[in-house]
Amino acid sequence: MRPRTAALLVTAVMVVYLALMSQVAVWLFQAGTGLGISLAVAVFMLPVVGIWIAVVNLRFGIQVERLARRLADEGGLPDTSALPRRPSGRIESAAAVAWFDERKTELDEEPTDWRRWYRLAQAYDLAGDRRRGWESMRQALRLSARSGGGSPATSAGPGSVTRPAG
């Protein structure tokens, strides 16, 4: 299943869940008791927070997809097909860390290039460090927006570039 299809499917399931939770909140509120009203407010907050999280993540995914398309059009999308893989399909840890070190060296040469931040984000992801991968991708989005393309991400400043564990 393609990531975009999976994201849309999960979002659709979440919308149904959030609608059901909203209905439960209405029933609790209609109960009219102090406890029922308190629980209704708490239960209603779940869908509100869930919708906010879904919107933020979908927006981020769309921005990253646009950036990937732009990088592919330029011929700069990294090719990881030659990296050795485990039977599960994941990149071997030593190869992922070595590939990360190469991307880090590229970034050190030109730290304001969004393309290099994008590739670093991919390197973090291959090494299994999703949090730093997301931070690096947000920095790529910010720099891309400054250079005349894409949309800025919402978080502030880049984090430090640290070698992934592994």
N, C-alpha and C. Protein backbone atom coordinates (compact mmCIF):
# COMPACT_ATOMS: atom_id res chain seq x y z
N MET A 1 0.84 -1.17 0.00
CA MET A 1 0.00 0.00 0.00
C MET A 1 0.90 1.25 0.00
N ARG A 2 0.58 2.19 -0.86
CA ARG A 2 1.36 3.42 -0.94
C ARG A 2 1.15 4.26 0.32
N PRO A 3 2.18 5.02 0.73
CA PRO A 3 2.05 5.84 1.95
C PRO A 3 0.87 6.82 1.89
N ARG A 4 0.65 7.40 0.72
CA ARG A 4 -0.44 8.37 0.60
C ARG A 4 -1.79 7.67 0.81
N THR A 5 -1.95 6.50 0.22
CA THR A 5 -3.19 5.74 0.37
C THR A 5 -3.39 5.34 1.83
N ALA A 6 -2.32 4.90 2.46
CA ALA A 6 -2.40 4.51 3.87
C ALA A 6 -2.78 5.71 4.74
N ALA A 7 -2.18 6.86 4.46
CA ALA A 7 -2.49 8.07 5.25
C ALA A 7 -3.96 8.46 5.09
N LEU A 8 -4.47 8.38 3.87
CA LEU A 8 -5.88 8.72 3.63
C LEU A 8 -6.81 7.71 4.30
N LEU A 9 -6.45 6.43 4.27
CA LEU A 9 -7.26 5.41 4.91
C LEU A 9 -7.29 5.60 6.43
N VAL A 10 -6.13 5.83 7.02
CA VAL A 10 -6.06 6.06 8.47
C VAL A 10 -6.84 7.32 8.84
N THR A 11 -6.75 8.35 8.02
CA THR A 11 -7.48 9.59 8.30
C THR A 11 -8.98 9.34 8.24
N ALA A 12 -9.44 8.57 7.25
CA ALA A 12 -10.87 8.27 7.14
C ALA A 12 -11.36 7.49 8.36
N VAL A 13 -10.59 6.51 8.80
CA VAL A 13 -10.96 5.73 9.99
C VAL A 13 -11.00 6.65 11.21
N MET A 14 -10.04 7.55 11.31
CA MET A 14 -10.01 8.47 12.45
C MET A 14 -11.21 9.41 12.43
N VAL A 15 -11.62 9.86 11.26
CA VAL A 15 -12.79 10.75 11.17
C VAL A 15 -14.03 10.02 11.69
N VAL A 16 -14.20 8.76 11.32
CA VAL A 16 -15.33 7.97 11.82
C VAL A 16 -15.25 7.85 13.34
N TYR A 17 -14.07 7.53 13.84
CA TYR A 17 -13.87 7.41 15.29
C TYR A 17 -14.19 8.74 15.99
N LEU A 18 -13.71 9.83 15.44
CA LEU A 18 -13.94 11.13 16.06
C LEU A 18 -15.42 11.50 16.04
N ALA A 19 -16.12 11.13 14.98
CA ALA A 19 -17.56 11.38 14.92
C ALA A 19 -18.28 10.59 16.01
N LEU A 20 -17.89 9.34 16.20
CA LEU A 20 -18.50 8.52 17.25
C LEU A 20 -18.20 9.09 18.63
N MET A 21 -16.98 9.55 18.86
CA MET A 21 -16.62 10.15 20.16
C MET A 21 -17.41 11.43 20.40
N SER A 22 -17.63 12.20 19.35
CA SER A 22 -18.43 13.42 19.49
C SER A 22 -19.86 13.07 19.90
N GLN A 23 -20.41 11.99 19.32
CA GLN A 23 -21.75 11.55 19.69
C GLN A 23 -21.81 11.14 21.15
N VAL A 24 -20.78 10.43 21.62
CA VAL A 24 -20.73 10.05 23.03
C VAL A 24 -20.70 11.30 23.91
N ALA A 25 -19.94 12.31 23.49
CA ALA A 25 -19.88 13.56 24.25
C ALA A 25 -21.26 14.21 24.33
N VAL A 26 -22.01 14.20 23.24
CA VAL A 26 -23.36 14.78 23.24
C VAL A 26 -24.26 14.01 24.20
N TRP A 27 -24.20 12.69 24.19
CA TRP A 27 -25.02 11.89 25.09
C TRP A 27 -24.67 12.19 26.55
N LEU A 28 -23.39 12.28 26.85
CA LEU A 28 -22.98 12.60 28.22
C LEU A 28 -23.47 13.98 28.64
N PHE A 29 -23.41 14.92 27.73
CA PHE A 29 -23.86 16.29 28.03
C PHE A 29 -25.37 16.29 28.28
N GLN A 30 -26.11 15.53 27.48
CA GLN A 30 -27.56 15.47 27.62
C GLN A 30 -27.99 14.80 28.93
N ALA A 31 -27.08 14.01 29.51
CA ALA A 31 -27.40 13.38 30.79
C ALA A 31 -27.68 14.44 31.85
N GLY A 32 -27.03 15.61 31.72
CA GLY A 32 -27.34 16.74 32.57
C GLY A 32 -26.72 16.73 33.94
N THR A 33 -26.04 15.66 34.33
CA THR A 33 -25.40 15.64 35.65
C THR A 33 -24.06 16.35 35.58
N GLY A 34 -23.58 16.76 36.72
CA GLY A 34 -22.28 17.44 36.77
C GLY A 34 -21.17 16.56 36.24
N LEU A 35 -21.19 15.31 36.64
CA LEU A 35 -20.18 14.36 36.18
C LEU A 35 -20.32 14.12 34.67
N GLY A 36 -21.56 13.98 34.21
CA GLY A 36 -21.81 13.76 32.78
C GLY A 36 -21.31 14.92 31.94
N ILE A 37 -21.57 16.13 32.39
CA ILE A 37 -21.12 17.32 31.65
C ILE A 37 -19.60 17.41 31.66
N SER A 38 -18.98 17.12 32.80
CA SER A 38 -17.52 17.14 32.88
C SER A 38 -16.91 16.10 31.94
N LEU A 39 -17.48 14.90 31.94
CA LEU A 39 -16.98 13.86 31.04
C LEU A 39 -17.23 14.25 29.58
N ALA A 40 -18.36 14.89 29.31
CA ALA A 40 -18.67 15.31 27.94
C ALA A 40 -17.61 16.28 27.42
N VAL A 41 -17.23 17.22 28.26
CA VAL A 41 -16.19 18.18 27.86
C VAL A 41 -14.88 17.44 27.58
N ALA A 42 -14.52 16.52 28.47
CA ALA A 42 -13.28 15.76 28.29
C ALA A 42 -13.34 14.91 27.03
N VAL A 43 -14.45 14.21 26.81
CA VAL A 43 -14.59 13.35 25.64
C VAL A 43 -14.61 14.20 24.36
N PHE A 44 -15.23 15.38 24.42
CA PHE A 44 -15.28 16.25 23.24
C PHE A 44 -13.88 16.77 22.88
N MET A 45 -13.02 16.93 23.87
CA MET A 45 -11.66 17.43 23.60
C MET A 45 -10.85 16.41 22.80
N LEU A 46 -11.13 15.12 22.96
CA LEU A 46 -10.41 14.10 22.19
C LEU A 46 -10.55 14.31 20.68
N PRO A 47 -11.77 14.47 20.16
CA PRO A 47 -11.88 14.73 18.72
C PRO A 47 -11.23 16.03 18.28
N VAL A 48 -11.31 17.06 19.11
CA VAL A 48 -10.70 18.34 18.75
C VAL A 48 -9.19 18.18 18.63
N VAL A 49 -8.58 17.54 19.60
CA VAL A 49 -7.13 17.30 19.56
C VAL A 49 -6.79 16.36 18.40
N GLY A 50 -7.60 15.34 18.19
CA GLY A 50 -7.36 14.40 17.10
C GLY A 50 -7.41 15.07 15.74
N ILE A 51 -8.38 15.94 15.53
CA ILE A 51 -8.48 16.66 14.26
C ILE A 51 -7.26 17.55 14.07
N TRP A 52 -6.86 18.25 15.13
CA TRP A 52 -5.69 19.13 15.04
C TRP A 52 -4.44 18.32 14.65
N ILE A 53 -4.23 17.18 15.30
CA ILE A 53 -3.07 16.34 15.00
C ILE A 53 -3.13 15.85 13.55
N ALA A 54 -4.30 15.42 13.11
CA ALA A 54 -4.45 14.93 11.74
C ALA A 54 -4.14 16.03 10.73
N VAL A 55 -4.65 17.22 10.95
CA VAL A 55 -4.42 18.33 10.02
C VAL A 55 -2.94 18.69 9.96
N VAL A 56 -2.30 18.77 11.11
CA VAL A 56 -0.87 19.11 11.15
C VAL A 56 -0.05 18.06 10.41
N ASN A 57 -0.33 16.78 10.65
CA ASN A 57 0.43 15.71 10.01
C ASN A 57 0.16 15.61 8.52
N LEU A 58 -1.09 15.76 8.11
CA LEU A 58 -1.40 15.73 6.69
C LEU A 58 -0.75 16.91 5.96
N ARG A 59 -0.79 18.07 6.58
CA ARG A 59 -0.15 19.25 5.98
C ARG A 59 1.35 19.03 5.82
N PHE A 60 1.98 18.49 6.84
CA PHE A 60 3.40 18.19 6.78
C PHE A 60 3.69 17.19 5.66
N GLY A 61 2.88 16.15 5.57
CA GLY A 61 3.07 15.15 4.53
C GLY A 61 2.94 15.73 3.13
N ILE A 62 1.97 16.61 2.93
CA ILE A 62 1.79 17.25 1.62
C ILE A 62 2.99 18.12 1.28
N GLN A 63 3.48 18.87 2.28
CA GLN A 63 4.65 19.72 2.04
C GLN A 63 5.88 18.89 1.69
N VAL A 64 6.08 17.79 2.39
CA VAL A 64 7.23 16.92 2.12
C VAL A 64 7.10 16.29 0.74
N GLU A 65 5.90 15.89 0.38
CA GLU A 65 5.68 15.29 -0.93
C GLU A 65 6.01 16.30 -2.04
N ARG A 66 5.57 17.55 -1.86
CA ARG A 66 5.90 18.60 -2.84
C ARG A 66 7.40 18.79 -2.96
N LEU A 67 8.06 18.81 -1.82
CA LEU A 67 9.51 18.99 -1.82
C LEU A 67 10.20 17.81 -2.51
N ALA A 68 9.73 16.59 -2.26
CA ALA A 68 10.30 15.41 -2.90
C ALA A 68 10.12 15.48 -4.41
N ARG A 69 8.94 15.91 -4.85
CA ARG A 69 8.68 16.04 -6.29
C ARG A 69 9.61 17.07 -6.90
N ARG A 70 9.80 18.19 -6.20
CA ARG A 70 10.69 19.25 -6.68
C ARG A 70 12.13 18.73 -6.78
N LEU A 71 12.57 18.00 -5.78
CA LEU A 71 13.93 17.45 -5.78
C LEU A 71 14.08 16.40 -6.89
N ALA A 72 13.05 15.59 -7.10
CA ALA A 72 13.09 14.59 -8.17
C ALA A 72 13.15 15.26 -9.53
N ASP A 73 12.39 16.34 -9.71
CA ASP A 73 12.42 17.08 -10.98
C ASP A 73 13.80 17.65 -11.27
N GLU A 74 14.53 18.00 -10.21
CA GLU A 74 15.89 18.52 -10.36
C GLU A 74 16.92 17.40 -10.53
N GLY A 75 16.49 16.16 -10.35
CA GLY A 75 17.41 15.03 -10.45
C GLY A 75 18.26 14.83 -9.20
N GLY A 76 17.82 15.37 -8.07
CA GLY A 76 18.62 15.29 -6.85
C GLY A 76 18.09 14.37 -5.79
N LEU A 77 17.06 13.58 -6.11
CA LEU A 77 16.52 12.66 -5.12
C LEU A 77 17.54 11.54 -4.87
N PRO A 78 17.92 11.31 -3.62
CA PRO A 78 18.95 10.31 -3.32
C PRO A 78 18.51 8.89 -3.68
N ASP A 79 19.47 8.12 -4.16
CA ASP A 79 19.22 6.72 -4.52
C ASP A 79 19.86 5.83 -3.46
N THR A 80 19.04 5.10 -2.76
CA THR A 80 19.54 4.21 -1.70
C THR A 80 19.44 2.75 -2.10
N SER A 81 19.17 2.48 -3.36
CA SER A 81 18.94 1.09 -3.80
C SER A 81 20.18 0.21 -3.67
N ALA A 82 21.37 0.81 -3.68
CA ALA A 82 22.60 0.01 -3.60
C ALA A 82 23.01 -0.32 -2.16
N LEU A 83 22.34 0.28 -1.19
CA LEU A 83 22.70 0.01 0.21
C LEU A 83 22.29 -1.41 0.59
N PRO A 84 23.15 -2.10 1.34
CA PRO A 84 22.81 -3.48 1.75
C PRO A 84 21.61 -3.50 2.70
N ARG A 85 20.79 -4.51 2.51
CA ARG A 85 19.55 -4.61 3.29
C ARG A 85 19.49 -5.91 4.08
N ARG A 86 18.75 -5.84 5.16
CA ARG A 86 18.46 -7.03 5.96
C ARG A 86 17.37 -7.83 5.23
N PRO A 87 17.14 -9.06 5.65
CA PRO A 87 16.04 -9.84 5.04
C PRO A 87 14.68 -9.13 5.16
N SER A 88 14.52 -8.31 6.19
CA SER A 88 13.25 -7.59 6.38
C SER A 88 13.08 -6.45 5.37
N GLY A 89 14.17 -6.07 4.69
CA GLY A 89 14.11 -4.96 3.74
C GLY A 89 14.70 -3.67 4.26
N ARG A 90 14.92 -3.60 5.58
CA ARG A 90 15.53 -2.40 6.16
C ARG A 90 17.00 -2.34 5.81
N ILE A 91 17.53 -1.13 5.73
CA ILE A 91 18.95 -0.91 5.46
C ILE A 91 19.75 -1.41 6.68
N GLU A 92 20.87 -2.09 6.41
CA GLU A 92 21.73 -2.53 7.51
C GLU A 92 22.24 -1.32 8.28
N SER A 93 22.33 -1.45 9.58
CA SER A 93 22.67 -0.33 10.45
C SER A 93 23.99 0.34 10.08
N ALA A 94 25.03 -0.43 9.87
CA ALA A 94 26.34 0.14 9.55
C ALA A 94 26.28 0.93 8.25
N ALA A 95 25.56 0.42 7.27
CA ALA A 95 25.43 1.11 5.98
C ALA A 95 24.62 2.39 6.14
N ALA A 96 23.58 2.35 6.97
CA ALA A 96 22.75 3.54 7.19
C ALA A 96 23.56 4.63 7.88
N VAL A 97 24.37 4.26 8.86
CA VAL A 97 25.18 5.25 9.56
C VAL A 97 26.25 5.82 8.62
N ALA A 98 26.86 4.98 7.80
CA ALA A 98 27.86 5.47 6.83
C ALA A 98 27.21 6.42 5.82
N TRP A 99 26.00 6.07 5.38
CA TRP A 99 25.28 6.93 4.43
C TRP A 99 24.92 8.25 5.09
N PHE A 100 24.55 8.18 6.39
CA PHE A 100 24.28 9.39 7.16
C PHE A 100 25.52 10.27 7.21
N ASP A 101 26.68 9.68 7.50
CA ASP A 101 27.92 10.46 7.60
C ASP A 101 28.21 11.20 6.29
N GLU A 102 27.94 10.55 5.16
CA GLU A 102 28.13 11.21 3.86
C GLU A 102 27.18 12.40 3.71
N ARG A 103 25.91 12.23 4.09
CA ARG A 103 24.94 13.33 3.99
C ARG A 103 25.30 14.46 4.94
N LYS A 104 25.82 14.13 6.11
CA LYS A 104 26.23 15.14 7.10
C LYS A 104 27.39 15.95 6.54
N THR A 105 28.35 15.28 5.90
CA THR A 105 29.49 15.97 5.29
C THR A 105 29.01 16.92 4.19
N GLU A 106 28.06 16.46 3.38
CA GLU A 106 27.48 17.33 2.33
C GLU A 106 26.84 18.56 2.95
N LEU A 107 26.08 18.35 4.03
CA LEU A 107 25.40 19.46 4.69
C LEU A 107 26.39 20.45 5.28
N ASP A 108 27.48 19.95 5.85
CA ASP A 108 28.49 20.83 6.43
C ASP A 108 29.09 21.76 5.38
N GLU A 109 29.14 21.30 4.13
CA GLU A 109 29.69 22.12 3.04
C GLU A 109 28.77 23.28 2.68
N GLU A 110 27.46 23.08 2.79
CA GLU A 110 26.50 24.13 2.46
C GLU A 110 25.26 23.98 3.33
N PRO A 111 25.30 24.50 4.57
CA PRO A 111 24.22 24.27 5.53
C PRO A 111 22.92 25.03 5.25
N THR A 112 22.91 25.90 4.24
CA THR A 112 21.67 26.63 3.94
C THR A 112 20.94 26.05 2.74
N ASP A 113 21.39 24.91 2.23
CA ASP A 113 20.75 24.28 1.07
C ASP A 113 19.67 23.32 1.53
N TRP A 114 18.42 23.61 1.18
CA TRP A 114 17.31 22.75 1.61
C TRP A 114 17.45 21.32 1.09
N ARG A 115 18.08 21.15 -0.08
CA ARG A 115 18.24 19.84 -0.67
C ARG A 115 19.09 18.95 0.23
N ARG A 116 20.12 19.54 0.79
CA ARG A 116 21.01 18.78 1.68
C ARG A 116 20.31 18.43 2.99
N TRP A 117 19.45 19.31 3.47
CA TRP A 117 18.66 19.01 4.67
C TRP A 117 17.66 17.90 4.38
N TYR A 118 17.08 17.91 3.18
CA TYR A 118 16.15 16.85 2.79
C TYR A 118 16.86 15.50 2.80
N ARG A 119 18.05 15.47 2.19
CA ARG A 119 18.80 14.21 2.14
C ARG A 119 19.24 13.77 3.54
N LEU A 120 19.58 14.73 4.40
CA LEU A 120 19.94 14.39 5.78
C LEU A 120 18.72 13.80 6.50
N ALA A 121 17.55 14.36 6.26
CA ALA A 121 16.33 13.82 6.87
C ALA A 121 16.12 12.38 6.44
N GLN A 122 16.36 12.10 5.17
CA GLN A 122 16.23 10.73 4.69
C GLN A 122 17.27 9.82 5.36
N ALA A 123 18.47 10.35 5.54
CA ALA A 123 19.52 9.56 6.20
C ALA A 123 19.14 9.23 7.64
N TYR A 124 18.59 10.21 8.36
CA TYR A 124 18.12 9.94 9.72
C TYR A 124 17.04 8.86 9.70
N ASP A 125 16.12 8.97 8.76
CA ASP A 125 15.04 8.00 8.67
C ASP A 125 15.58 6.59 8.41
N LEU A 126 16.53 6.48 7.50
CA LEU A 126 17.13 5.17 7.21
C LEU A 126 17.86 4.60 8.43
N ALA A 127 18.41 5.48 9.25
CA ALA A 127 19.12 5.04 10.44
C ALA A 127 18.17 4.79 11.61
N GLY A 128 16.87 5.04 11.39
CA GLY A 128 15.88 4.76 12.42
C GLY A 128 15.65 5.89 13.41
N ASP A 129 16.19 7.07 13.15
CA ASP A 129 16.02 8.21 14.06
C ASP A 129 14.94 9.13 13.48
N ARG A 130 13.69 8.76 13.69
CA ARG A 130 12.56 9.48 13.10
C ARG A 130 12.45 10.92 13.61
N ARG A 131 12.66 11.11 14.90
CA ARG A 131 12.52 12.45 15.48
C ARG A 131 13.47 13.44 14.82
N ARG A 132 14.73 13.08 14.73
CA ARG A 132 15.70 13.99 14.08
C ARG A 132 15.43 14.09 12.59
N GLY A 133 14.92 13.03 12.00
CA GLY A 133 14.54 13.08 10.59
C GLY A 133 13.45 14.12 10.34
N TRP A 134 12.45 14.15 11.23
CA TRP A 134 11.37 15.14 11.09
C TRP A 134 11.92 16.55 11.30
N GLU A 135 12.80 16.72 12.28
CA GLU A 135 13.39 18.04 12.52
C GLU A 135 14.16 18.52 11.30
N SER A 136 14.93 17.62 10.70
CA SER A 136 15.72 17.97 9.51
C SER A 136 14.80 18.29 8.33
N MET A 137 13.71 17.54 8.21
CA MET A 137 12.77 17.81 7.12
C MET A 137 12.08 19.15 7.32
N ARG A 138 11.78 19.49 8.55
CA ARG A 138 11.19 20.81 8.82
C ARG A 138 12.16 21.93 8.42
N GLN A 139 13.44 21.71 8.70
CA GLN A 139 14.45 22.70 8.30
C GLN A 139 14.52 22.77 6.78
N ALA A 140 14.43 21.66 6.09
CA ALA A 140 14.42 21.66 4.62
C ALA A 140 13.23 22.46 4.10
N LEU A 141 12.08 22.28 4.74
CA LEU A 141 10.88 23.02 4.33
C LEU A 141 11.05 24.52 4.55
N ARG A 142 11.62 24.90 5.70
CA ARG A 142 11.85 26.32 5.98
C ARG A 142 12.79 26.93 4.94
N LEU A 143 13.89 26.26 4.68
CA LEU A 143 14.87 26.79 3.72
C LEU A 143 14.30 26.83 2.31
N SER A 144 13.50 25.84 1.95
CA SER A 144 12.88 25.82 0.64
C SER A 144 11.93 27.00 0.48
N ALA A 145 11.18 27.30 1.53
CA ALA A 145 10.25 28.43 1.47
C ALA A 145 11.01 29.74 1.29
N ARG A 146 12.14 29.86 1.94
CA ARG A 146 12.96 31.08 1.81
C ARG A 146 13.55 31.21 0.41
N SER A 147 13.79 30.05 -0.24
CA SER A 147 14.42 30.09 -1.56
C SER A 147 13.38 30.18 -2.68
N GLY A 148 12.11 30.34 -2.30
CA GLY A 148 11.09 30.56 -3.31
C GLY A 148 10.27 29.35 -3.69
N GLY A 149 10.22 28.33 -2.86
CA GLY A 149 9.40 27.18 -3.18
C GLY A 149 8.93 26.49 -1.93
N GLY A 150 7.81 25.83 -1.99
CA GLY A 150 7.29 25.09 -0.85
C GLY A 150 6.64 26.00 0.15
N SER A 151 6.24 25.44 1.28
CA SER A 151 5.60 26.18 2.35
C SER A 151 6.45 26.03 3.60
N PRO A 152 6.53 27.06 4.41
CA PRO A 152 7.34 26.93 5.62
C PRO A 152 6.70 25.98 6.62
N ALA A 153 7.54 25.30 7.34
CA ALA A 153 7.05 24.42 8.41
C ALA A 153 6.76 25.30 9.62
N THR A 154 6.08 24.73 10.60
CA THR A 154 5.62 25.54 11.70
C THR A 154 6.57 25.59 12.90
N SER A 155 7.50 24.68 13.00
CA SER A 155 8.35 24.70 14.19
C SER A 155 9.51 25.67 14.01
N ALA A 156 10.07 26.09 15.11
CA ALA A 156 11.15 27.07 15.07
C ALA A 156 12.49 26.39 14.92
N GLY A 157 13.45 27.07 14.40
CA GLY A 157 14.85 26.74 14.25
C GLY A 157 15.25 25.28 14.12
N PRO A 158 16.39 25.02 13.48
CA PRO A 158 16.86 23.66 13.31
C PRO A 158 17.44 23.13 14.61
N GLY A 159 17.32 21.85 14.79
CA GLY A 159 17.99 21.22 15.92
C GLY A 159 19.44 20.99 15.56
N SER A 160 20.21 20.52 16.50
CA SER A 160 21.60 20.22 16.19
C SER A 160 21.65 18.93 15.38
N VAL A 161 22.65 18.83 14.53
CA VAL A 161 22.81 17.63 13.72
C VAL A 161 23.67 16.66 14.51
N THR A 162 23.08 15.53 14.86
CA THR A 162 23.73 14.54 15.67
C THR A 162 23.68 13.20 14.97
N ARG A 163 24.76 12.48 15.06
CA ARG A 163 24.83 11.16 14.43
C ARG A 163 23.81 10.24 15.08
N PRO A 164 23.05 9.49 14.27
CA PRO A 164 22.05 8.59 14.84
C PRO A 164 22.71 7.43 15.58
N ALA A 165 22.00 6.92 16.58
CA ALA A 165 22.51 5.76 17.31
C ALA A 165 22.41 4.54 16.41
N GLY A 166 23.31 3.63 16.55
CA GLY A 166 23.18 2.41 15.76
C GLY A 166 24.47 1.91 15.40
